[in-house]
Amino acid sequence: MDSVIPTNKKSTDKLFKPSHLSIIVVAIGLLVFAIIEIGNTDIFSNKLKLKYFQWGNLFIAFIFTIRAVGDFSHVGFFKRVRDSSFAKNDTRYYSPLCLYIATTSLLIVFAS
C-alpha cells in the first residue's frame, strides 16, 4: 500500500486516506471512460452520435495528460519528491501509463 498513495517529503505520512466512497467513484469513472472508448467503435450508433464519444475521448486525453504532468510536487513527471516508494513507481509506471492512455485517446479521436 505504500507504493500507491503519495507520501510527504522525507516521511511515510500519506497525503490522503481514500475513503470507500472515493474508491467507488474512481472505479465508476474508469468504467465510464471504458464505455466511452468502446463507443468510438460506433457500437452505440443507434443511441448516440459518434461525436459525443469523440468529445469524451478528448476529455479523457485531457484528464490523463494533466495526471501525467502532475502537480509539480508529489505526482507526475515534474514532481519534486522523488525518493519515496510511490514516487519511484509513479515515475516508472503510473505517469507513463497516463501519458499512454492520453496519447491513445487522441489517436482514437483522429482516426475516427
N, C-alpha and C. Protein backbone atom coordinates (compact mmCIF):
# COMPACT_ATOMS: atom_id res chain seq x y z
N MET A 1 0.82 -1.21 0.00
CA MET A 1 0.00 0.00 0.00
C MET A 1 0.86 1.26 0.00
N ASP A 2 2.11 1.17 0.44
CA ASP A 2 2.96 2.35 0.47
C ASP A 2 3.31 2.85 -0.93
N SER A 3 3.13 2.01 -1.92
CA SER A 3 3.53 2.37 -3.28
C SER A 3 2.41 2.96 -4.12
N VAL A 4 1.21 3.05 -3.59
CA VAL A 4 0.10 3.53 -4.41
C VAL A 4 -0.49 4.86 -3.96
N ILE A 5 -0.05 5.36 -2.81
CA ILE A 5 -0.55 6.65 -2.30
C ILE A 5 0.66 7.55 -2.04
N PRO A 6 0.64 8.79 -2.55
CA PRO A 6 1.78 9.69 -2.33
C PRO A 6 2.01 9.98 -0.85
N THR A 7 3.28 10.16 -0.49
CA THR A 7 3.64 10.47 0.89
C THR A 7 4.32 11.83 0.95
N ASN A 8 4.36 12.38 2.17
CA ASN A 8 5.04 13.65 2.39
C ASN A 8 6.53 13.51 2.17
N LYS A 9 7.17 14.64 2.00
CA LYS A 9 8.62 14.67 1.81
C LYS A 9 9.33 14.14 3.05
N LYS A 10 10.28 13.22 2.85
CA LYS A 10 11.11 12.65 3.91
C LYS A 10 10.31 12.02 5.05
N SER A 11 9.16 11.44 4.73
CA SER A 11 8.39 10.74 5.76
C SER A 11 7.52 9.69 5.09
N THR A 12 6.85 8.94 5.90
CA THR A 12 5.94 7.93 5.37
C THR A 12 4.49 8.32 5.60
N ASP A 13 4.23 9.58 5.97
CA ASP A 13 2.87 10.05 6.17
C ASP A 13 2.18 10.21 4.82
N LYS A 14 1.07 9.51 4.66
CA LYS A 14 0.34 9.57 3.40
C LYS A 14 -0.35 10.93 3.27
N LEU A 15 -0.43 11.43 2.05
CA LEU A 15 -1.06 12.73 1.81
C LEU A 15 -2.56 12.68 2.01
N PHE A 16 -3.16 11.52 1.79
CA PHE A 16 -4.59 11.36 2.00
C PHE A 16 -4.90 9.90 2.24
N LYS A 17 -6.05 9.65 2.83
CA LYS A 17 -6.53 8.29 3.04
C LYS A 17 -7.83 8.17 2.25
N PRO A 18 -7.80 7.42 1.16
CA PRO A 18 -9.01 7.32 0.34
C PRO A 18 -10.14 6.60 1.08
N SER A 19 -11.32 7.19 0.99
CA SER A 19 -12.49 6.56 1.61
C SER A 19 -13.07 5.52 0.65
N HIS A 20 -13.97 4.73 1.18
CA HIS A 20 -14.63 3.72 0.33
C HIS A 20 -15.43 4.40 -0.78
N LEU A 21 -16.06 5.51 -0.45
CA LEU A 21 -16.85 6.23 -1.45
C LEU A 21 -15.96 6.76 -2.57
N SER A 22 -14.82 7.32 -2.23
CA SER A 22 -13.94 7.87 -3.28
C SER A 22 -13.40 6.75 -4.17
N ILE A 23 -13.14 5.59 -3.61
CA ILE A 23 -12.67 4.45 -4.41
C ILE A 23 -13.77 4.02 -5.38
N ILE A 24 -15.00 3.99 -4.92
CA ILE A 24 -16.13 3.61 -5.78
C ILE A 24 -16.33 4.64 -6.88
N VAL A 25 -16.20 5.93 -6.55
CA VAL A 25 -16.36 6.99 -7.55
C VAL A 25 -15.30 6.87 -8.63
N VAL A 26 -14.06 6.62 -8.25
CA VAL A 26 -12.98 6.45 -9.23
C VAL A 26 -13.24 5.22 -10.09
N ALA A 27 -13.68 4.12 -9.50
CA ALA A 27 -13.98 2.91 -10.26
C ALA A 27 -15.10 3.15 -11.27
N ILE A 28 -16.14 3.86 -10.86
CA ILE A 28 -17.24 4.17 -11.78
C ILE A 28 -16.76 5.09 -12.89
N GLY A 29 -15.91 6.06 -12.54
CA GLY A 29 -15.35 6.95 -13.56
C GLY A 29 -14.53 6.19 -14.59
N LEU A 30 -13.73 5.24 -14.15
CA LEU A 30 -12.94 4.44 -15.09
C LEU A 30 -13.83 3.56 -15.95
N LEU A 31 -14.93 3.07 -15.38
CA LEU A 31 -15.89 2.30 -16.17
C LEU A 31 -16.53 3.18 -17.25
N VAL A 32 -16.89 4.41 -16.89
CA VAL A 32 -17.45 5.34 -17.88
C VAL A 32 -16.43 5.63 -18.97
N PHE A 33 -15.16 5.82 -18.59
CA PHE A 33 -14.11 6.06 -19.58
C PHE A 33 -14.00 4.86 -20.53
N ALA A 34 -14.09 3.65 -19.99
CA ALA A 34 -14.02 2.45 -20.83
C ALA A 34 -15.20 2.40 -21.80
N ILE A 35 -16.38 2.76 -21.34
CA ILE A 35 -17.56 2.78 -22.21
C ILE A 35 -17.39 3.81 -23.31
N ILE A 36 -16.80 4.95 -22.98
CA ILE A 36 -16.54 5.98 -24.00
C ILE A 36 -15.57 5.44 -25.04
N GLU A 37 -14.52 4.77 -24.60
CA GLU A 37 -13.56 4.20 -25.54
C GLU A 37 -14.23 3.17 -26.45
N ILE A 38 -15.07 2.33 -25.88
CA ILE A 38 -15.80 1.34 -26.68
C ILE A 38 -16.76 2.03 -27.63
N GLY A 39 -17.37 3.13 -27.19
CA GLY A 39 -18.32 3.86 -28.02
C GLY A 39 -17.70 4.42 -29.29
N ASN A 40 -16.39 4.58 -29.31
CA ASN A 40 -15.73 5.08 -30.52
C ASN A 40 -15.71 4.05 -31.64
N THR A 41 -16.09 2.82 -31.34
CA THR A 41 -16.21 1.80 -32.39
C THR A 41 -17.54 1.92 -33.11
N ASP A 42 -18.35 2.90 -32.70
CA ASP A 42 -19.68 3.16 -33.26
C ASP A 42 -20.66 2.04 -32.94
N ILE A 43 -20.43 1.36 -31.84
CA ILE A 43 -21.31 0.27 -31.42
C ILE A 43 -22.65 0.79 -30.90
N PHE A 44 -22.65 2.04 -30.42
CA PHE A 44 -23.87 2.63 -29.89
C PHE A 44 -24.49 3.61 -30.88
N SER A 45 -24.29 3.41 -32.17
CA SER A 45 -24.72 4.38 -33.18
C SER A 45 -26.23 4.59 -33.21
N ASN A 46 -26.98 3.61 -32.77
CA ASN A 46 -28.43 3.78 -32.77
C ASN A 46 -28.91 4.61 -31.57
N LYS A 47 -28.05 4.83 -30.57
CA LYS A 47 -28.42 5.60 -29.38
C LYS A 47 -27.78 6.99 -29.35
N LEU A 48 -26.48 7.07 -29.65
CA LEU A 48 -25.75 8.33 -29.56
C LEU A 48 -24.88 8.53 -30.80
N LYS A 49 -24.64 9.78 -31.13
CA LYS A 49 -23.77 10.08 -32.27
C LYS A 49 -22.32 9.88 -31.87
N LEU A 50 -21.51 9.55 -32.85
CA LEU A 50 -20.09 9.31 -32.63
C LEU A 50 -19.38 10.53 -32.09
N LYS A 51 -19.84 11.73 -32.44
CA LYS A 51 -19.15 12.95 -31.99
C LYS A 51 -19.16 13.09 -30.47
N TYR A 52 -20.18 12.56 -29.79
CA TYR A 52 -20.21 12.62 -28.33
C TYR A 52 -19.10 11.76 -27.72
N PHE A 53 -18.85 10.62 -28.32
CA PHE A 53 -17.77 9.77 -27.84
C PHE A 53 -16.41 10.38 -28.16
N GLN A 54 -16.32 11.08 -29.28
CA GLN A 54 -15.06 11.76 -29.61
C GLN A 54 -14.77 12.87 -28.61
N TRP A 55 -15.80 13.63 -28.24
CA TRP A 55 -15.61 14.66 -27.21
C TRP A 55 -15.23 14.02 -25.88
N GLY A 56 -15.84 12.88 -25.58
CA GLY A 56 -15.48 12.15 -24.37
C GLY A 56 -14.03 11.71 -24.38
N ASN A 57 -13.56 11.27 -25.55
CA ASN A 57 -12.17 10.87 -25.68
C ASN A 57 -11.22 12.05 -25.50
N LEU A 58 -11.61 13.21 -26.00
CA LEU A 58 -10.79 14.40 -25.79
C LEU A 58 -10.71 14.73 -24.30
N PHE A 59 -11.82 14.57 -23.60
CA PHE A 59 -11.84 14.79 -22.16
C PHE A 59 -10.92 13.80 -21.45
N ILE A 60 -10.97 12.54 -21.84
CA ILE A 60 -10.10 11.52 -21.26
C ILE A 60 -8.64 11.88 -21.50
N ALA A 61 -8.32 12.28 -22.72
CA ALA A 61 -6.95 12.67 -23.03
C ALA A 61 -6.50 13.85 -22.17
N PHE A 62 -7.38 14.81 -21.97
CA PHE A 62 -7.07 15.98 -21.15
C PHE A 62 -6.81 15.57 -19.70
N ILE A 63 -7.68 14.76 -19.13
CA ILE A 63 -7.56 14.32 -17.74
C ILE A 63 -6.25 13.55 -17.52
N PHE A 64 -5.96 12.61 -18.41
CA PHE A 64 -4.77 11.80 -18.21
C PHE A 64 -3.48 12.55 -18.53
N THR A 65 -3.54 13.55 -19.40
CA THR A 65 -2.37 14.40 -19.63
C THR A 65 -2.07 15.22 -18.38
N ILE A 66 -3.11 15.77 -17.77
CA ILE A 66 -2.91 16.53 -16.53
C ILE A 66 -2.31 15.62 -15.45
N ARG A 67 -2.80 14.40 -15.35
CA ARG A 67 -2.26 13.47 -14.35
C ARG A 67 -0.80 13.13 -14.65
N ALA A 68 -0.46 12.94 -15.92
CA ALA A 68 0.92 12.62 -16.28
C ALA A 68 1.86 13.78 -15.96
N VAL A 69 1.43 14.99 -16.24
CA VAL A 69 2.26 16.16 -15.92
C VAL A 69 2.36 16.31 -14.41
N GLY A 70 1.25 16.20 -13.71
CA GLY A 70 1.26 16.17 -12.26
C GLY A 70 1.05 17.52 -11.61
N ASP A 71 1.27 17.54 -10.31
CA ASP A 71 1.05 18.75 -9.51
C ASP A 71 2.36 19.47 -9.18
N PHE A 72 3.45 19.05 -9.78
CA PHE A 72 4.79 19.63 -9.57
C PHE A 72 5.28 19.46 -8.14
N SER A 73 4.65 18.60 -7.37
CA SER A 73 5.08 18.36 -6.01
C SER A 73 5.21 16.87 -5.70
N HIS A 74 4.10 16.12 -5.81
CA HIS A 74 4.11 14.72 -5.40
C HIS A 74 3.80 13.71 -6.49
N VAL A 75 3.10 14.12 -7.55
CA VAL A 75 2.74 13.17 -8.62
C VAL A 75 3.11 13.76 -9.98
N GLY A 76 3.29 12.88 -10.95
CA GLY A 76 3.56 13.31 -12.32
C GLY A 76 5.04 13.32 -12.66
N PHE A 77 5.33 13.62 -13.91
CA PHE A 77 6.71 13.63 -14.38
C PHE A 77 7.54 14.76 -13.76
N PHE A 78 6.91 15.84 -13.36
CA PHE A 78 7.63 17.01 -12.87
C PHE A 78 7.54 17.17 -11.35
N LYS A 79 7.42 16.08 -10.63
CA LYS A 79 7.31 16.14 -9.17
C LYS A 79 8.66 16.45 -8.53
N ARG A 80 8.61 17.02 -7.34
CA ARG A 80 9.83 17.32 -6.58
C ARG A 80 10.21 16.18 -5.65
N VAL A 81 9.23 15.50 -5.08
CA VAL A 81 9.50 14.37 -4.18
C VAL A 81 9.76 13.15 -5.05
N ARG A 82 10.99 12.65 -5.03
CA ARG A 82 11.37 11.55 -5.91
C ARG A 82 11.94 10.34 -5.19
N ASP A 83 12.06 10.39 -3.87
CA ASP A 83 12.73 9.31 -3.17
C ASP A 83 11.80 8.34 -2.44
N SER A 84 10.50 8.56 -2.50
CA SER A 84 9.57 7.64 -1.83
C SER A 84 9.26 6.46 -2.76
N SER A 85 8.68 5.44 -2.17
CA SER A 85 8.29 4.26 -2.94
C SER A 85 7.24 4.63 -4.00
N PHE A 86 6.29 5.47 -3.60
CA PHE A 86 5.27 5.90 -4.56
C PHE A 86 5.92 6.68 -5.70
N ALA A 87 6.83 7.59 -5.39
CA ALA A 87 7.45 8.43 -6.42
C ALA A 87 8.21 7.59 -7.44
N LYS A 88 8.88 6.57 -6.98
CA LYS A 88 9.61 5.69 -7.91
C LYS A 88 8.64 4.95 -8.82
N ASN A 89 7.57 4.43 -8.25
CA ASN A 89 6.56 3.74 -9.08
C ASN A 89 5.83 4.71 -9.99
N ASP A 90 5.62 5.94 -9.52
CA ASP A 90 4.96 6.94 -10.35
C ASP A 90 5.80 7.27 -11.57
N THR A 91 7.09 7.42 -11.37
CA THR A 91 7.98 7.72 -12.49
C THR A 91 8.09 6.53 -13.43
N ARG A 92 8.14 5.34 -12.88
CA ARG A 92 8.36 4.14 -13.68
C ARG A 92 7.09 3.63 -14.36
N TYR A 93 5.93 3.71 -13.68
CA TYR A 93 4.73 3.07 -14.19
C TYR A 93 3.53 4.01 -14.37
N TYR A 94 3.13 4.72 -13.31
CA TYR A 94 1.86 5.42 -13.30
C TYR A 94 1.82 6.58 -14.30
N SER A 95 2.81 7.45 -14.27
CA SER A 95 2.81 8.59 -15.19
C SER A 95 2.96 8.17 -16.66
N PRO A 96 3.87 7.22 -16.98
CA PRO A 96 3.92 6.77 -18.38
C PRO A 96 2.61 6.13 -18.84
N LEU A 97 1.95 5.39 -17.95
CA LEU A 97 0.66 4.79 -18.31
C LEU A 97 -0.37 5.88 -18.61
N CYS A 98 -0.40 6.92 -17.79
CA CYS A 98 -1.34 8.02 -18.03
C CYS A 98 -1.04 8.71 -19.35
N LEU A 99 0.24 8.92 -19.66
CA LEU A 99 0.61 9.53 -20.94
C LEU A 99 0.22 8.63 -22.11
N TYR A 100 0.38 7.32 -21.95
CA TYR A 100 -0.01 6.37 -22.99
C TYR A 100 -1.53 6.42 -23.22
N ILE A 101 -2.30 6.44 -22.15
CA ILE A 101 -3.76 6.50 -22.27
C ILE A 101 -4.18 7.79 -22.95
N ALA A 102 -3.56 8.91 -22.58
CA ALA A 102 -3.89 10.19 -23.21
C ALA A 102 -3.56 10.18 -24.70
N THR A 103 -2.39 9.67 -25.05
CA THR A 103 -1.98 9.62 -26.45
C THR A 103 -2.88 8.69 -27.26
N THR A 104 -3.19 7.54 -26.69
CA THR A 104 -4.08 6.60 -27.38
C THR A 104 -5.47 7.20 -27.58
N SER A 105 -5.97 7.90 -26.59
CA SER A 105 -7.29 8.54 -26.72
C SER A 105 -7.29 9.57 -27.83
N LEU A 106 -6.22 10.35 -27.94
CA LEU A 106 -6.13 11.33 -29.03
C LEU A 106 -6.04 10.62 -30.39
N LEU A 107 -5.28 9.55 -30.46
CA LEU A 107 -5.18 8.81 -31.72
C LEU A 107 -6.53 8.24 -32.14
N ILE A 108 -7.30 7.77 -31.18
CA ILE A 108 -8.63 7.23 -31.48
C ILE A 108 -9.52 8.33 -32.05
N VAL A 109 -9.44 9.52 -31.47
CA VAL A 109 -10.27 10.63 -31.95
C VAL A 109 -9.90 10.98 -33.39
N PHE A 110 -8.61 11.08 -33.66
CA PHE A 110 -8.18 11.49 -35.00
C PHE A 110 -8.35 10.37 -36.03
N ALA A 111 -8.38 9.12 -35.59
CA ALA A 111 -8.56 8.01 -36.51
C ALA A 111 -10.02 7.78 -36.89
N SER A 112 -10.94 8.27 -36.05
CA SER A 112 -12.36 8.01 -36.34
C SER A 112 -13.03 9.20 -36.98
